[in-house]
């Protein structure tokens, strides 16, 4: 059972979704909710969030090293060059999520990033970060799955041709990339 806050074996209070998993603790403490910038870094986050759709995030975290290996470190220029043989290679790789539509979307999204000016993806995505601080969520029920900002980001990306960028996926990205801070009140990272 997940409680809103959880005290870890180290005595530190964390958001309850972390549970008892060491990788989740590391991710929560070192990555989740910290501002992330750069076209490559945000392309990776966009890609992994797309692969996560319908799955648990811990599944993606555990497979992330292999994803990075087979997707050329998520360098958009390299991924944009992937062709049909690469799609087949990736569909056959048990170390990643072998969903053809998500693989093809990642390659297509890389091509769209490559067509943008340097820094444009970063600027576009961060333009949807809310400028007004909102009340810190106290319980999970206070955390939205979709917001007007994530809906707008999804719409803008879809208009440009990006795929697997629905509003729920984009809100998860906004949380993960620090565009919003959903650390619960009482979490050691809530400031």
N, C-alpha and C. Protein backbone atom coordinates (compact mmCIF):
# COMPACT_ATOMS: atom_id res chain seq x y z
N UNK A 1 0.84 -1.19 0.00
CA UNK A 1 0.00 0.00 0.00
C UNK A 1 0.88 1.25 0.00
N UNK A 2 0.53 2.20 -0.82
CA UNK A 2 1.28 3.45 -0.90
C UNK A 2 0.63 4.47 0.04
N UNK A 3 1.42 5.06 0.91
CA UNK A 3 0.94 6.15 1.73
C UNK A 3 1.48 7.44 1.14
N UNK A 4 0.90 8.55 1.55
CA UNK A 4 1.29 9.82 0.94
C UNK A 4 2.76 10.16 1.18
N UNK A 5 3.24 9.94 2.37
CA UNK A 5 4.66 10.12 2.68
C UNK A 5 5.19 8.81 3.25
N UNK A 6 6.45 8.58 3.01
CA UNK A 6 7.06 7.34 3.51
C UNK A 6 8.42 7.70 4.11
N UNK A 7 8.68 7.16 5.26
CA UNK A 7 9.99 7.33 5.89
C UNK A 7 10.86 6.17 5.42
N UNK A 8 11.96 6.49 4.75
CA UNK A 8 12.84 5.47 4.22
C UNK A 8 13.69 4.83 5.29
N UNK A 9 14.43 3.78 4.92
CA UNK A 9 15.31 3.12 5.89
C UNK A 9 16.38 4.05 6.43
N UNK A 10 16.61 5.17 5.73
CA UNK A 10 17.59 6.16 6.19
C UNK A 10 16.96 7.20 7.10
N UNK A 11 15.65 7.04 7.41
CA UNK A 11 14.96 7.98 8.29
C UNK A 11 14.49 9.24 7.61
N UNK A 12 14.56 9.30 6.27
CA UNK A 12 14.21 10.50 5.51
C UNK A 12 12.79 10.35 4.95
N UNK A 13 11.99 11.42 5.09
CA UNK A 13 10.63 11.43 4.55
C UNK A 13 10.67 11.74 3.05
N UNK A 14 9.97 10.89 2.29
CA UNK A 14 9.90 11.06 0.84
C UNK A 14 8.46 10.92 0.39
N UNK A 15 8.19 11.36 -0.84
CA UNK A 15 6.89 11.14 -1.45
C UNK A 15 6.62 9.63 -1.44
N UNK A 16 5.42 9.23 -1.10
CA UNK A 16 5.09 7.84 -0.89
C UNK A 16 5.24 6.93 -2.09
N UNK A 17 5.17 7.49 -3.32
CA UNK A 17 5.30 6.66 -4.52
C UNK A 17 6.66 5.99 -4.60
N UNK A 18 7.62 6.50 -3.86
CA UNK A 18 8.97 5.94 -3.88
C UNK A 18 8.96 4.51 -3.33
N UNK A 19 8.13 4.27 -2.33
CA UNK A 19 8.08 2.93 -1.74
C UNK A 19 9.42 2.55 -1.14
N UNK A 20 9.75 1.27 -1.28
CA UNK A 20 10.98 0.74 -0.69
C UNK A 20 12.06 0.46 -1.73
N UNK A 21 11.85 0.86 -2.96
CA UNK A 21 12.77 0.53 -4.03
C UNK A 21 13.96 1.50 -4.03
N UNK A 22 15.17 0.97 -3.98
CA UNK A 22 16.38 1.80 -3.93
C UNK A 22 16.53 2.67 -5.17
N UNK A 23 16.19 2.14 -6.34
CA UNK A 23 16.31 2.94 -7.57
C UNK A 23 15.31 4.08 -7.58
N UNK A 24 14.10 3.82 -7.10
CA UNK A 24 13.11 4.89 -6.99
C UNK A 24 13.59 5.96 -6.00
N UNK A 25 14.18 5.55 -4.88
CA UNK A 25 14.71 6.52 -3.91
C UNK A 25 15.76 7.40 -4.57
N UNK A 26 16.70 6.77 -5.29
CA UNK A 26 17.75 7.54 -5.96
C UNK A 26 17.13 8.50 -6.97
N UNK A 27 16.21 8.01 -7.79
CA UNK A 27 15.56 8.84 -8.81
C UNK A 27 14.83 10.01 -8.15
N UNK A 28 14.06 9.73 -7.12
CA UNK A 28 13.32 10.77 -6.41
C UNK A 28 14.27 11.83 -5.85
N UNK A 29 15.33 11.39 -5.21
CA UNK A 29 16.24 12.31 -4.53
C UNK A 29 17.16 13.07 -5.48
N UNK A 30 17.53 12.47 -6.61
CA UNK A 30 18.54 13.08 -7.47
C UNK A 30 18.00 13.65 -8.78
N UNK A 31 16.81 13.22 -9.22
CA UNK A 31 16.34 13.64 -10.53
C UNK A 31 14.95 14.26 -10.54
N UNK A 32 13.98 13.57 -9.96
CA UNK A 32 12.57 13.96 -10.11
C UNK A 32 12.33 15.34 -9.52
N UNK A 33 11.78 16.21 -10.34
CA UNK A 33 11.45 17.55 -9.89
C UNK A 33 12.59 18.54 -9.97
N UNK A 34 13.75 18.11 -10.45
CA UNK A 34 14.88 19.05 -10.59
C UNK A 34 14.86 19.61 -12.01
N UNK A 35 15.04 20.91 -12.15
CA UNK A 35 15.00 21.51 -13.50
C UNK A 35 16.00 20.84 -14.45
N UNK A 36 15.46 20.42 -15.58
CA UNK A 36 16.24 19.74 -16.61
C UNK A 36 16.18 20.58 -17.88
N UNK A 37 17.33 20.91 -18.42
CA UNK A 37 17.40 21.72 -19.63
C UNK A 37 18.27 21.03 -20.66
N UNK A 38 18.13 21.48 -21.89
CA UNK A 38 18.93 20.98 -23.00
C UNK A 38 18.09 20.12 -23.93
N UNK A 39 18.28 20.33 -25.21
CA UNK A 39 17.49 19.59 -26.20
C UNK A 39 17.70 18.08 -26.07
N UNK A 40 18.94 17.64 -25.90
CA UNK A 40 19.19 16.20 -25.81
C UNK A 40 18.54 15.62 -24.57
N UNK A 41 18.74 16.26 -23.44
CA UNK A 41 18.18 15.77 -22.18
C UNK A 41 16.65 15.74 -22.24
N UNK A 42 16.05 16.77 -22.79
CA UNK A 42 14.59 16.81 -22.87
C UNK A 42 14.06 15.84 -23.92
N UNK A 43 14.83 15.62 -24.99
CA UNK A 43 14.42 14.61 -25.97
C UNK A 43 14.44 13.23 -25.31
N UNK A 44 15.46 12.95 -24.52
CA UNK A 44 15.49 11.67 -23.81
C UNK A 44 14.28 11.54 -22.89
N UNK A 45 14.00 12.58 -22.12
CA UNK A 45 12.87 12.54 -21.19
C UNK A 45 11.57 12.36 -21.96
N UNK A 46 11.40 13.09 -23.05
CA UNK A 46 10.21 12.97 -23.89
C UNK A 46 10.06 11.55 -24.41
N UNK A 47 11.14 10.97 -24.85
CA UNK A 47 11.14 9.61 -25.40
C UNK A 47 10.79 8.59 -24.32
N UNK A 48 11.45 8.67 -23.19
CA UNK A 48 11.22 7.70 -22.13
C UNK A 48 9.81 7.83 -21.55
N UNK A 49 9.31 9.05 -21.42
CA UNK A 49 7.93 9.22 -20.96
C UNK A 49 6.96 8.60 -21.96
N UNK A 50 7.26 8.72 -23.25
CA UNK A 50 6.42 8.08 -24.26
C UNK A 50 6.45 6.57 -24.15
N UNK A 51 7.61 6.01 -23.90
CA UNK A 51 7.71 4.57 -23.72
C UNK A 51 6.99 4.13 -22.45
N UNK A 52 6.95 4.98 -21.44
CA UNK A 52 6.33 4.64 -20.18
C UNK A 52 4.81 4.54 -20.29
N UNK A 53 4.19 5.23 -21.22
CA UNK A 53 2.73 5.25 -21.32
C UNK A 53 2.16 3.84 -21.20
N UNK A 54 1.33 3.65 -20.18
CA UNK A 54 0.71 2.35 -19.94
C UNK A 54 1.54 1.41 -19.07
N UNK A 55 2.72 1.84 -18.67
CA UNK A 55 3.61 1.00 -17.85
C UNK A 55 4.00 1.76 -16.59
N UNK A 56 4.71 1.10 -15.70
CA UNK A 56 5.19 1.78 -14.50
C UNK A 56 6.53 2.45 -14.81
N UNK A 57 6.78 3.56 -14.15
CA UNK A 57 8.03 4.30 -14.37
C UNK A 57 9.24 3.49 -13.94
N UNK A 58 9.09 2.66 -12.91
CA UNK A 58 10.24 1.87 -12.47
C UNK A 58 10.70 0.93 -13.58
N UNK A 59 9.78 0.44 -14.39
CA UNK A 59 10.15 -0.41 -15.53
C UNK A 59 11.08 0.36 -16.46
N UNK A 60 10.74 1.61 -16.72
CA UNK A 60 11.57 2.45 -17.61
C UNK A 60 12.91 2.73 -16.95
N UNK A 61 12.91 3.07 -15.67
CA UNK A 61 14.18 3.35 -14.99
C UNK A 61 15.13 2.17 -15.06
N UNK A 62 14.60 0.99 -14.86
CA UNK A 62 15.46 -0.20 -14.88
C UNK A 62 15.98 -0.49 -16.28
N UNK A 63 15.23 -0.10 -17.30
CA UNK A 63 15.66 -0.33 -18.68
C UNK A 63 16.39 0.88 -19.29
N UNK A 64 16.46 1.98 -18.56
CA UNK A 64 17.05 3.20 -19.11
C UNK A 64 18.48 3.02 -19.61
N UNK A 65 19.36 2.32 -18.90
CA UNK A 65 20.71 2.15 -19.45
C UNK A 65 20.71 1.50 -20.85
N UNK A 66 19.87 0.50 -21.02
CA UNK A 66 19.80 -0.15 -22.34
C UNK A 66 19.17 0.78 -23.37
N UNK A 67 18.13 1.50 -22.98
CA UNK A 67 17.54 2.49 -23.89
C UNK A 67 18.61 3.45 -24.37
N UNK A 68 19.41 3.97 -23.45
CA UNK A 68 20.45 4.92 -23.82
C UNK A 68 21.46 4.29 -24.78
N UNK A 69 21.78 3.04 -24.53
CA UNK A 69 22.74 2.35 -25.39
C UNK A 69 22.20 2.18 -26.81
N UNK A 70 20.99 1.68 -26.94
CA UNK A 70 20.47 1.35 -28.27
C UNK A 70 19.90 2.56 -29.01
N UNK A 71 19.62 3.65 -28.29
CA UNK A 71 19.15 4.88 -28.92
C UNK A 71 20.25 5.94 -28.95
N UNK A 72 21.50 5.51 -29.07
CA UNK A 72 22.64 6.40 -29.29
C UNK A 72 22.68 7.56 -28.28
N UNK A 73 22.44 7.23 -27.01
CA UNK A 73 22.48 8.26 -25.98
C UNK A 73 21.40 9.31 -26.13
N UNK A 74 20.40 9.00 -26.93
CA UNK A 74 19.31 9.93 -27.23
C UNK A 74 19.81 11.22 -27.85
N UNK A 75 20.89 11.11 -28.61
CA UNK A 75 21.33 12.25 -29.41
C UNK A 75 20.36 12.37 -30.58
N UNK A 76 19.59 13.46 -30.65
CA UNK A 76 18.58 13.56 -31.70
C UNK A 76 19.13 13.36 -33.12
N UNK A 77 20.32 13.89 -33.40
CA UNK A 77 20.89 13.76 -34.75
C UNK A 77 21.13 12.30 -35.09
N UNK A 78 21.63 11.52 -34.14
CA UNK A 78 21.89 10.10 -34.40
C UNK A 78 20.60 9.32 -34.55
N UNK A 79 19.64 9.55 -33.66
CA UNK A 79 18.37 8.82 -33.72
C UNK A 79 17.60 9.19 -34.98
N UNK A 80 17.72 10.42 -35.42
CA UNK A 80 17.03 10.86 -36.64
C UNK A 80 17.48 10.09 -37.86
N UNK A 81 18.69 9.54 -37.81
CA UNK A 81 19.23 8.78 -38.93
C UNK A 81 18.80 7.31 -38.93
N UNK A 82 18.13 6.86 -37.87
CA UNK A 82 17.69 5.47 -37.81
C UNK A 82 16.73 5.18 -38.95
N UNK A 83 16.83 3.97 -39.48
CA UNK A 83 15.96 3.54 -40.57
C UNK A 83 15.23 2.26 -40.22
N UNK A 84 14.70 1.61 -41.25
CA UNK A 84 13.89 0.40 -41.07
C UNK A 84 14.67 -0.71 -40.37
N UNK A 85 15.95 -0.88 -40.71
CA UNK A 85 16.75 -1.93 -40.07
C UNK A 85 16.90 -1.65 -38.58
N UNK A 86 17.03 -0.38 -38.22
CA UNK A 86 17.14 -0.02 -36.80
C UNK A 86 15.84 -0.31 -36.07
N UNK A 87 14.72 -0.03 -36.72
CA UNK A 87 13.43 -0.33 -36.10
C UNK A 87 13.35 -1.82 -35.80
N UNK A 88 13.73 -2.65 -36.76
CA UNK A 88 13.68 -4.11 -36.55
C UNK A 88 14.64 -4.54 -35.46
N UNK A 89 15.82 -3.94 -35.41
CA UNK A 89 16.79 -4.24 -34.36
C UNK A 89 16.21 -3.89 -32.99
N UNK A 90 15.55 -2.76 -32.90
CA UNK A 90 15.00 -2.31 -31.62
C UNK A 90 13.79 -3.15 -31.20
N UNK A 91 12.95 -3.51 -32.15
CA UNK A 91 11.79 -4.34 -31.85
C UNK A 91 12.24 -5.70 -31.30
N UNK A 92 13.40 -6.15 -31.70
CA UNK A 92 13.91 -7.46 -31.26
C UNK A 92 14.71 -7.39 -29.96
N UNK A 93 14.94 -6.19 -29.43
CA UNK A 93 15.79 -6.02 -28.25
C UNK A 93 14.97 -6.15 -26.97
N UNK A 94 15.14 -7.25 -26.25
CA UNK A 94 14.38 -7.50 -25.03
C UNK A 94 14.79 -6.57 -23.89
N UNK A 95 15.85 -5.80 -24.06
CA UNK A 95 16.30 -4.89 -23.01
C UNK A 95 15.53 -3.60 -22.94
N UNK A 96 14.65 -3.37 -23.92
CA UNK A 96 13.84 -2.14 -23.94
C UNK A 96 12.37 -2.53 -24.05
N UNK A 97 11.52 -1.54 -24.15
CA UNK A 97 10.10 -1.77 -24.42
C UNK A 97 9.99 -1.94 -25.93
N UNK A 98 9.57 -3.10 -26.38
CA UNK A 98 9.60 -3.42 -27.81
C UNK A 98 8.29 -3.09 -28.51
N UNK A 99 7.85 -1.89 -28.34
CA UNK A 99 6.61 -1.43 -28.96
C UNK A 99 6.97 -0.68 -30.25
N UNK A 100 6.61 -1.26 -31.37
CA UNK A 100 6.98 -0.68 -32.67
C UNK A 100 6.51 0.76 -32.81
N UNK A 101 5.27 1.04 -32.42
CA UNK A 101 4.74 2.40 -32.57
C UNK A 101 5.55 3.40 -31.75
N UNK A 102 5.96 3.01 -30.54
CA UNK A 102 6.74 3.90 -29.69
C UNK A 102 8.16 4.07 -30.24
N UNK A 103 8.72 3.02 -30.77
CA UNK A 103 10.05 3.10 -31.38
C UNK A 103 10.01 4.03 -32.60
N UNK A 104 9.04 3.82 -33.45
CA UNK A 104 8.92 4.68 -34.65
C UNK A 104 8.62 6.12 -34.26
N UNK A 105 7.83 6.33 -33.22
CA UNK A 105 7.55 7.69 -32.76
C UNK A 105 8.83 8.36 -32.26
N UNK A 106 9.66 7.62 -31.54
CA UNK A 106 10.92 8.18 -31.02
C UNK A 106 11.82 8.62 -32.17
N UNK A 107 11.90 7.81 -33.19
CA UNK A 107 12.71 8.17 -34.37
C UNK A 107 12.11 9.38 -35.07
N UNK A 108 10.80 9.37 -35.27
CA UNK A 108 10.15 10.51 -35.90
C UNK A 108 10.29 11.78 -35.08
N UNK A 109 10.17 11.65 -33.76
CA UNK A 109 10.33 12.82 -32.89
C UNK A 109 11.76 13.36 -32.96
N UNK A 110 12.75 12.46 -33.08
CA UNK A 110 14.14 12.91 -33.22
C UNK A 110 14.30 13.73 -34.49
N UNK A 111 13.66 13.32 -35.56
CA UNK A 111 13.74 14.08 -36.81
C UNK A 111 13.13 15.46 -36.65
N UNK A 112 12.05 15.55 -35.89
CA UNK A 112 11.43 16.85 -35.64
C UNK A 112 12.34 17.74 -34.80
N UNK A 113 13.01 17.15 -33.80
CA UNK A 113 13.94 17.92 -32.99
C UNK A 113 15.09 18.42 -33.85
N UNK A 114 15.58 17.56 -34.74
CA UNK A 114 16.69 17.94 -35.61
C UNK A 114 16.29 19.09 -36.56
N UNK A 115 15.04 19.18 -36.90
CA UNK A 115 14.58 20.26 -37.78
C UNK A 115 14.43 21.59 -37.03
N UNK A 116 14.52 21.55 -35.72
CA UNK A 116 14.39 22.75 -34.90
C UNK A 116 15.75 23.43 -34.75
N UNK A 117 15.73 24.68 -34.40
CA UNK A 117 16.97 25.40 -34.10
C UNK A 117 17.53 24.89 -32.77
N UNK A 118 18.84 24.95 -32.58
CA UNK A 118 19.41 24.54 -31.28
C UNK A 118 18.75 25.31 -30.14
N UNK A 119 18.34 24.58 -29.11
CA UNK A 119 17.70 25.20 -27.96
C UNK A 119 16.20 25.42 -28.11
N UNK A 120 15.68 25.17 -29.29
CA UNK A 120 14.26 25.43 -29.53
C UNK A 120 13.36 24.47 -28.77
N UNK A 121 13.73 23.19 -28.71
CA UNK A 121 12.91 22.24 -27.96
C UNK A 121 12.87 22.63 -26.49
N UNK A 122 14.01 22.95 -25.93
CA UNK A 122 14.09 23.38 -24.53
C UNK A 122 13.19 24.58 -24.30
N UNK A 123 13.33 25.60 -25.14
CA UNK A 123 12.54 26.82 -24.98
C UNK A 123 11.04 26.53 -25.12
N UNK A 124 10.70 25.72 -26.10
CA UNK A 124 9.29 25.39 -26.32
C UNK A 124 8.71 24.68 -25.10
N UNK A 125 9.38 23.65 -24.63
CA UNK A 125 8.84 22.88 -23.51
C UNK A 125 8.77 23.72 -22.24
N UNK A 126 9.81 24.47 -21.96
CA UNK A 126 9.81 25.29 -20.74
C UNK A 126 8.85 26.46 -20.82
N UNK A 127 8.41 26.82 -22.02
CA UNK A 127 7.43 27.91 -22.13
C UNK A 127 6.10 27.53 -21.49
N UNK A 128 5.88 26.25 -21.23
CA UNK A 128 4.64 25.78 -20.62
C UNK A 128 4.75 25.61 -19.10
N UNK A 129 5.93 25.84 -18.56
CA UNK A 129 6.10 25.74 -17.10
C UNK A 129 5.31 26.87 -16.45
N UNK A 130 4.46 26.54 -15.49
CA UNK A 130 3.68 27.60 -14.84
C UNK A 130 4.59 28.62 -14.17
N UNK A 131 4.26 29.88 -14.33
CA UNK A 131 5.08 30.94 -13.73
C UNK A 131 4.64 31.25 -12.31
N UNK A 132 3.41 30.92 -11.97
CA UNK A 132 2.90 31.19 -10.63
C UNK A 132 3.13 29.98 -9.74
N UNK A 133 3.76 30.20 -8.61
CA UNK A 133 3.88 29.07 -7.69
C UNK A 133 2.48 28.69 -7.19
N UNK A 134 2.26 27.43 -7.07
CA UNK A 134 0.95 26.97 -6.58
C UNK A 134 1.16 26.32 -5.23
N UNK A 135 0.08 26.13 -4.52
CA UNK A 135 0.25 25.50 -3.20
C UNK A 135 0.90 24.12 -3.33
N UNK A 136 1.77 23.82 -2.40
CA UNK A 136 2.43 22.52 -2.39
C UNK A 136 1.38 21.45 -2.11
N UNK A 137 1.39 20.37 -2.91
CA UNK A 137 0.43 19.30 -2.62
C UNK A 137 0.72 18.66 -1.26
N UNK A 138 -0.35 18.40 -0.53
CA UNK A 138 -0.20 17.80 0.79
C UNK A 138 -0.39 16.29 0.74
N UNK A 139 -1.23 15.84 -0.20
CA UNK A 139 -1.51 14.41 -0.37
C UNK A 139 -1.56 14.11 -1.86
N UNK A 140 -1.48 12.83 -2.23
CA UNK A 140 -1.53 12.45 -3.64
C UNK A 140 -2.77 12.98 -4.34
N UNK A 141 -3.87 13.04 -3.62
CA UNK A 141 -5.13 13.51 -4.22
C UNK A 141 -5.02 14.96 -4.69
N UNK A 142 -4.06 15.71 -4.17
CA UNK A 142 -3.85 17.10 -4.59
C UNK A 142 -3.06 17.21 -5.89
N UNK A 143 -2.49 16.11 -6.36
CA UNK A 143 -1.64 16.13 -7.55
C UNK A 143 -2.48 15.77 -8.77
N UNK A 144 -2.50 16.66 -9.72
CA UNK A 144 -3.28 16.44 -10.94
C UNK A 144 -2.56 15.46 -11.86
N UNK A 145 -3.32 14.80 -12.71
CA UNK A 145 -2.73 13.95 -13.75
C UNK A 145 -2.57 14.74 -15.04
N UNK A 146 -3.41 15.74 -15.21
CA UNK A 146 -3.42 16.59 -16.39
C UNK A 146 -3.70 18.01 -15.91
N UNK A 147 -3.05 18.98 -16.53
CA UNK A 147 -3.29 20.38 -16.21
C UNK A 147 -3.50 21.15 -17.50
N UNK A 148 -4.02 22.36 -17.43
CA UNK A 148 -4.11 23.17 -18.65
C UNK A 148 -2.75 23.35 -19.33
N UNK A 149 -1.68 23.47 -18.53
CA UNK A 149 -0.34 23.63 -19.12
C UNK A 149 0.09 22.37 -19.86
N UNK A 150 -0.18 21.18 -19.28
CA UNK A 150 0.21 19.94 -19.97
C UNK A 150 -0.64 19.72 -21.21
N UNK A 151 -1.90 20.14 -21.16
CA UNK A 151 -2.75 20.05 -22.35
C UNK A 151 -2.23 20.96 -23.45
N UNK A 152 -1.82 22.17 -23.07
CA UNK A 152 -1.28 23.12 -24.06
C UNK A 152 0.04 22.61 -24.64
N UNK A 153 0.92 22.05 -23.79
CA UNK A 153 2.18 21.51 -24.28
C UNK A 153 1.91 20.37 -25.26
N UNK A 154 1.02 19.47 -24.89
CA UNK A 154 0.67 18.34 -25.74
C UNK A 154 0.16 18.84 -27.09
N UNK A 155 -0.72 19.80 -27.06
CA UNK A 155 -1.31 20.34 -28.30
C UNK A 155 -0.23 20.98 -29.19
N UNK A 156 0.67 21.74 -28.57
CA UNK A 156 1.73 22.40 -29.33
C UNK A 156 2.67 21.38 -29.96
N UNK A 157 3.02 20.35 -29.21
CA UNK A 157 3.92 19.33 -29.75
C UNK A 157 3.23 18.52 -30.85
N UNK A 158 1.98 18.17 -30.62
CA UNK A 158 1.24 17.42 -31.66
C UNK A 158 1.12 18.25 -32.94
N UNK A 159 0.89 19.53 -32.79
CA UNK A 159 0.78 20.41 -33.96
C UNK A 159 2.06 20.38 -34.78
N UNK A 160 3.19 20.18 -34.13
CA UNK A 160 4.48 20.09 -34.82
C UNK A 160 4.76 18.69 -35.35
N UNK A 161 3.88 17.72 -35.02
CA UNK A 161 4.03 16.36 -35.52
C UNK A 161 4.55 15.34 -34.52
N UNK A 162 4.84 15.76 -33.28
CA UNK A 162 5.33 14.84 -32.27
C UNK A 162 4.25 13.82 -31.91
N UNK A 163 4.70 12.61 -31.57
CA UNK A 163 3.78 11.54 -31.19
C UNK A 163 4.11 11.02 -29.79
N UNK A 164 3.12 10.38 -29.17
CA UNK A 164 3.20 9.89 -27.80
C UNK A 164 3.50 11.04 -26.83
N UNK A 165 2.75 12.12 -27.03
CA UNK A 165 2.91 13.32 -26.21
C UNK A 165 1.56 13.79 -25.67
N UNK A 166 0.75 12.84 -25.21
CA UNK A 166 -0.55 13.19 -24.65
C UNK A 166 -0.41 14.04 -23.40
N UNK A 167 -1.50 14.68 -22.98
CA UNK A 167 -1.43 15.60 -21.83
C UNK A 167 -1.03 14.93 -20.52
N UNK A 168 -1.41 13.69 -20.29
CA UNK A 168 -0.98 13.00 -19.07
C UNK A 168 0.51 12.71 -19.12
N UNK A 169 0.99 12.26 -20.26
CA UNK A 169 2.42 12.01 -20.45
C UNK A 169 3.21 13.29 -20.30
N UNK A 170 2.68 14.39 -20.83
CA UNK A 170 3.39 15.67 -20.73
C UNK A 170 3.40 16.19 -19.30
N UNK A 171 2.33 15.91 -18.53
CA UNK A 171 2.38 16.34 -17.13
C UNK A 171 3.42 15.54 -16.36
N UNK A 172 3.51 14.25 -16.63
CA UNK A 172 4.55 13.43 -16.00
C UNK A 172 5.93 13.98 -16.35
N UNK A 173 6.12 14.39 -17.60
CA UNK A 173 7.39 14.98 -18.02
C UNK A 173 7.63 16.29 -17.27
N UNK A 174 6.59 17.11 -17.14
CA UNK A 174 6.74 18.39 -16.44
C UNK A 174 7.16 18.17 -14.98
N UNK A 175 6.59 17.15 -14.35
CA UNK A 175 6.99 16.82 -12.97
C UNK A 175 8.44 16.35 -12.94
N UNK A 176 8.75 15.42 -13.81
CA UNK A 176 10.08 14.81 -13.83
C UNK A 176 11.17 15.82 -14.15
N UNK A 177 10.89 16.72 -15.09
CA UNK A 177 11.89 17.69 -15.55
C UNK A 177 11.89 18.97 -14.72
N UNK A 178 11.14 18.99 -13.62
CA UNK A 178 11.18 20.14 -12.72
C UNK A 178 10.44 21.36 -13.21
N UNK A 179 9.60 21.21 -14.22
CA UNK A 179 8.79 22.34 -14.67
C UNK A 179 7.70 22.65 -13.66
N UNK A 180 7.30 21.65 -12.91
CA UNK A 180 6.42 21.80 -11.76
C UNK A 180 7.06 21.02 -10.61
N UNK A 181 6.74 21.41 -9.40
CA UNK A 181 7.30 20.74 -8.24
C UNK A 181 6.16 20.11 -7.46
N UNK A 182 6.01 18.81 -7.60
CA UNK A 182 4.95 18.08 -6.92
C UNK A 182 5.45 17.24 -5.76
N UNK A 183 6.62 17.59 -5.20
CA UNK A 183 7.03 16.92 -3.96
C UNK A 183 6.01 17.30 -2.89
N UNK A 184 5.51 16.31 -2.21
CA UNK A 184 4.49 16.54 -1.20
C UNK A 184 5.04 17.30 0.00
N UNK A 185 4.17 18.10 0.64
CA UNK A 185 4.55 18.76 1.89
C UNK A 185 5.02 17.69 2.86
N UNK A 186 6.13 17.92 3.47
CA UNK A 186 6.72 16.95 4.40
C UNK A 186 7.84 16.14 3.78
N UNK A 187 7.89 16.07 2.44
CA UNK A 187 9.01 15.40 1.77
C UNK A 187 10.27 16.21 2.02
N UNK A 188 11.38 15.53 2.19
CA UNK A 188 12.62 16.26 2.48
C UNK A 188 13.05 17.18 1.34
N UNK A 189 12.49 17.00 0.15
CA UNK A 189 12.83 17.87 -0.98
C UNK A 189 11.83 19.01 -1.18
N UNK A 190 10.78 19.04 -0.39
CA UNK A 190 9.78 20.12 -0.50
C UNK A 190 10.39 21.38 0.11
N UNK A 191 10.46 22.42 -0.70
CA UNK A 191 11.04 23.68 -0.21
C UNK A 191 10.01 24.78 -0.27
